[in-house]
């Protein structure tokens, strides 16, 4: 996730406080993930991305 669009998505996740960095580990805030993207962790793992998640990622291309 540290190259190209993956890096931009990572930076957006951190800036929106969906992920936080502690040492060398990132931690997910599942409540913020749901509020901001309308997606659950399980949805992400199943690659089931709704309109909210797609709109979130599209923000990096604006």
N, C-alpha and C. Protein backbone atom coordinates (compact mmCIF):
# COMPACT_ATOMS: atom_id res chain seq x y z
N UNK A 1 0.80 -1.20 0.00
CA UNK A 1 0.00 0.00 0.00
C UNK A 1 0.84 1.26 0.00
N UNK A 2 2.12 1.16 -0.20
CA UNK A 2 2.95 2.35 -0.07
C UNK A 2 3.41 2.92 -1.41
N UNK A 3 2.78 2.49 -2.51
CA UNK A 3 3.15 3.00 -3.82
C UNK A 3 1.89 3.46 -4.56
N UNK A 4 2.05 4.46 -5.39
CA UNK A 4 0.97 4.90 -6.26
C UNK A 4 -0.29 5.28 -5.53
N UNK A 5 -1.43 4.83 -6.07
CA UNK A 5 -2.72 5.18 -5.47
C UNK A 5 -2.88 4.55 -4.09
N UNK A 6 -2.23 3.43 -3.82
CA UNK A 6 -2.28 2.82 -2.49
C UNK A 6 -1.75 3.74 -1.42
N UNK A 7 -0.69 4.45 -1.74
CA UNK A 7 -0.12 5.41 -0.78
C UNK A 7 -1.09 6.55 -0.54
N UNK A 8 -1.73 7.04 -1.59
CA UNK A 8 -2.70 8.12 -1.45
C UNK A 8 -3.90 7.68 -0.62
N UNK A 9 -4.36 6.45 -0.81
CA UNK A 9 -5.47 5.92 -0.02
C UNK A 9 -5.05 5.80 1.44
N UNK A 10 -3.86 5.29 1.69
CA UNK A 10 -3.35 5.18 3.06
C UNK A 10 -3.31 6.55 3.73
N UNK A 11 -2.80 7.54 3.03
CA UNK A 11 -2.72 8.90 3.58
C UNK A 11 -4.11 9.45 3.88
N UNK A 12 -5.09 9.17 3.03
CA UNK A 12 -6.45 9.63 3.26
C UNK A 12 -7.06 8.93 4.47
N UNK A 13 -6.81 7.63 4.60
CA UNK A 13 -7.31 6.88 5.77
C UNK A 13 -6.73 7.45 7.06
N UNK A 14 -5.47 7.81 7.02
CA UNK A 14 -4.82 8.38 8.22
C UNK A 14 -5.34 9.79 8.48
N UNK A 15 -5.47 10.60 7.44
CA UNK A 15 -5.92 11.98 7.65
C UNK A 15 -7.36 12.03 8.15
N UNK A 16 -8.18 11.06 7.77
CA UNK A 16 -9.56 10.99 8.25
C UNK A 16 -9.68 10.20 9.56
N UNK A 17 -8.53 9.80 10.10
CA UNK A 17 -8.45 9.08 11.38
C UNK A 17 -9.20 7.76 11.38
N UNK A 18 -9.28 7.14 10.20
CA UNK A 18 -9.80 5.77 10.11
C UNK A 18 -8.69 4.82 10.52
N UNK A 19 -7.46 5.17 10.15
CA UNK A 19 -6.27 4.44 10.60
C UNK A 19 -5.42 5.39 11.44
N UNK A 20 -4.81 4.83 12.48
CA UNK A 20 -3.83 5.60 13.25
C UNK A 20 -2.54 4.79 13.29
N UNK A 21 -1.44 5.51 13.28
CA UNK A 21 -0.12 4.89 13.30
C UNK A 21 0.43 4.95 14.72
N UNK A 22 0.84 3.80 15.21
CA UNK A 22 1.47 3.72 16.53
C UNK A 22 2.71 2.85 16.38
N UNK A 23 3.87 3.48 16.45
CA UNK A 23 5.10 2.74 16.19
C UNK A 23 5.14 2.36 14.72
N UNK A 24 5.24 1.08 14.46
CA UNK A 24 5.26 0.61 13.07
C UNK A 24 3.94 -0.05 12.67
N UNK A 25 2.92 0.08 13.53
CA UNK A 25 1.63 -0.58 13.27
C UNK A 25 0.53 0.45 13.02
N UNK A 26 -0.34 0.12 12.08
CA UNK A 26 -1.55 0.91 11.85
C UNK A 26 -2.71 0.23 12.55
N UNK A 27 -3.58 1.05 13.15
CA UNK A 27 -4.75 0.53 13.84
C UNK A 27 -6.01 1.10 13.22
N UNK A 28 -6.97 0.23 12.97
CA UNK A 28 -8.23 0.61 12.35
C UNK A 28 -9.25 1.02 13.40
N UNK A 29 -9.94 2.12 13.14
CA UNK A 29 -11.08 2.52 13.96
C UNK A 29 -12.32 2.11 13.17
N UNK A 30 -12.90 0.96 13.50
CA UNK A 30 -14.03 0.46 12.70
C UNK A 30 -15.26 1.35 12.77
N UNK A 31 -15.43 2.08 13.86
CA UNK A 31 -16.58 2.98 13.97
C UNK A 31 -16.44 4.12 12.97
N UNK A 32 -15.24 4.73 12.90
CA UNK A 32 -15.00 5.81 11.92
C UNK A 32 -15.08 5.28 10.50
N UNK A 33 -14.58 4.08 10.28
CA UNK A 33 -14.67 3.47 8.95
C UNK A 33 -16.12 3.42 8.51
N UNK A 34 -16.98 2.94 9.39
CA UNK A 34 -18.40 2.84 9.07
C UNK A 34 -19.06 4.19 8.87
N UNK A 35 -18.74 5.16 9.74
CA UNK A 35 -19.35 6.49 9.64
C UNK A 35 -18.95 7.20 8.36
N UNK A 36 -17.69 7.09 8.00
CA UNK A 36 -17.17 7.85 6.86
C UNK A 36 -17.42 7.15 5.53
N UNK A 37 -17.31 5.84 5.50
CA UNK A 37 -17.42 5.11 4.23
C UNK A 37 -18.68 4.27 4.09
N UNK A 38 -19.36 4.05 5.21
CA UNK A 38 -20.54 3.18 5.16
C UNK A 38 -20.17 1.72 4.97
N UNK A 39 -18.95 1.38 5.31
CA UNK A 39 -18.40 0.04 5.09
C UNK A 39 -17.90 -0.54 6.39
N UNK A 40 -18.03 -1.85 6.54
CA UNK A 40 -17.49 -2.53 7.71
C UNK A 40 -16.16 -3.18 7.35
N UNK A 41 -15.44 -3.59 8.38
CA UNK A 41 -14.18 -4.32 8.15
C UNK A 41 -14.46 -5.60 7.35
N UNK A 42 -15.51 -6.28 7.69
CA UNK A 42 -15.86 -7.53 6.98
C UNK A 42 -16.16 -7.23 5.51
N UNK A 43 -16.87 -6.13 5.24
CA UNK A 43 -17.12 -5.74 3.85
C UNK A 43 -15.80 -5.57 3.10
N UNK A 44 -14.85 -4.89 3.74
CA UNK A 44 -13.54 -4.67 3.11
C UNK A 44 -12.83 -5.99 2.83
N UNK A 45 -12.84 -6.88 3.81
CA UNK A 45 -12.18 -8.16 3.63
C UNK A 45 -12.83 -8.99 2.52
N UNK A 46 -14.14 -8.81 2.36
CA UNK A 46 -14.87 -9.53 1.30
C UNK A 46 -14.88 -8.77 -0.02
N UNK A 47 -14.20 -7.61 -0.03
CA UNK A 47 -14.15 -6.75 -1.21
C UNK A 47 -15.55 -6.38 -1.69
N UNK A 48 -16.39 -6.09 -0.72
CA UNK A 48 -17.77 -5.67 -0.99
C UNK A 48 -17.86 -4.18 -0.69
N UNK A 49 -17.56 -3.37 -1.69
CA UNK A 49 -17.49 -1.93 -1.50
C UNK A 49 -18.73 -1.25 -2.04
N UNK A 50 -19.43 -0.55 -1.16
CA UNK A 50 -20.63 0.18 -1.55
C UNK A 50 -20.29 1.56 -2.09
N UNK A 51 -21.34 2.32 -2.35
CA UNK A 51 -21.16 3.66 -2.93
C UNK A 51 -20.34 4.57 -2.02
N UNK A 52 -20.53 4.47 -0.70
CA UNK A 52 -19.79 5.32 0.23
C UNK A 52 -18.30 5.07 0.19
N UNK A 53 -17.92 3.81 0.12
CA UNK A 53 -16.50 3.46 0.05
C UNK A 53 -15.89 3.92 -1.28
N UNK A 54 -16.63 3.77 -2.34
CA UNK A 54 -16.14 4.20 -3.65
C UNK A 54 -15.99 5.72 -3.69
N UNK A 55 -16.96 6.43 -3.12
CA UNK A 55 -16.87 7.90 -3.06
C UNK A 55 -15.68 8.34 -2.22
N UNK A 56 -15.39 7.62 -1.13
CA UNK A 56 -14.24 7.93 -0.28
C UNK A 56 -12.95 7.83 -1.08
N UNK A 57 -12.77 6.76 -1.80
CA UNK A 57 -11.54 6.55 -2.57
C UNK A 57 -11.44 7.55 -3.72
N UNK A 58 -12.55 7.90 -4.32
CA UNK A 58 -12.53 8.86 -5.43
C UNK A 58 -12.02 10.23 -4.98
N UNK A 59 -12.08 10.52 -3.69
CA UNK A 59 -11.57 11.81 -3.18
C UNK A 59 -10.10 12.01 -3.50
N UNK A 60 -9.33 10.94 -3.63
CA UNK A 60 -7.90 11.12 -3.91
C UNK A 60 -7.65 11.54 -5.35
N UNK A 61 -8.63 11.34 -6.21
CA UNK A 61 -8.44 11.66 -7.62
C UNK A 61 -8.96 13.03 -8.00
N UNK A 62 -9.43 13.79 -7.00
CA UNK A 62 -9.96 15.14 -7.27
C UNK A 62 -8.90 16.18 -7.12
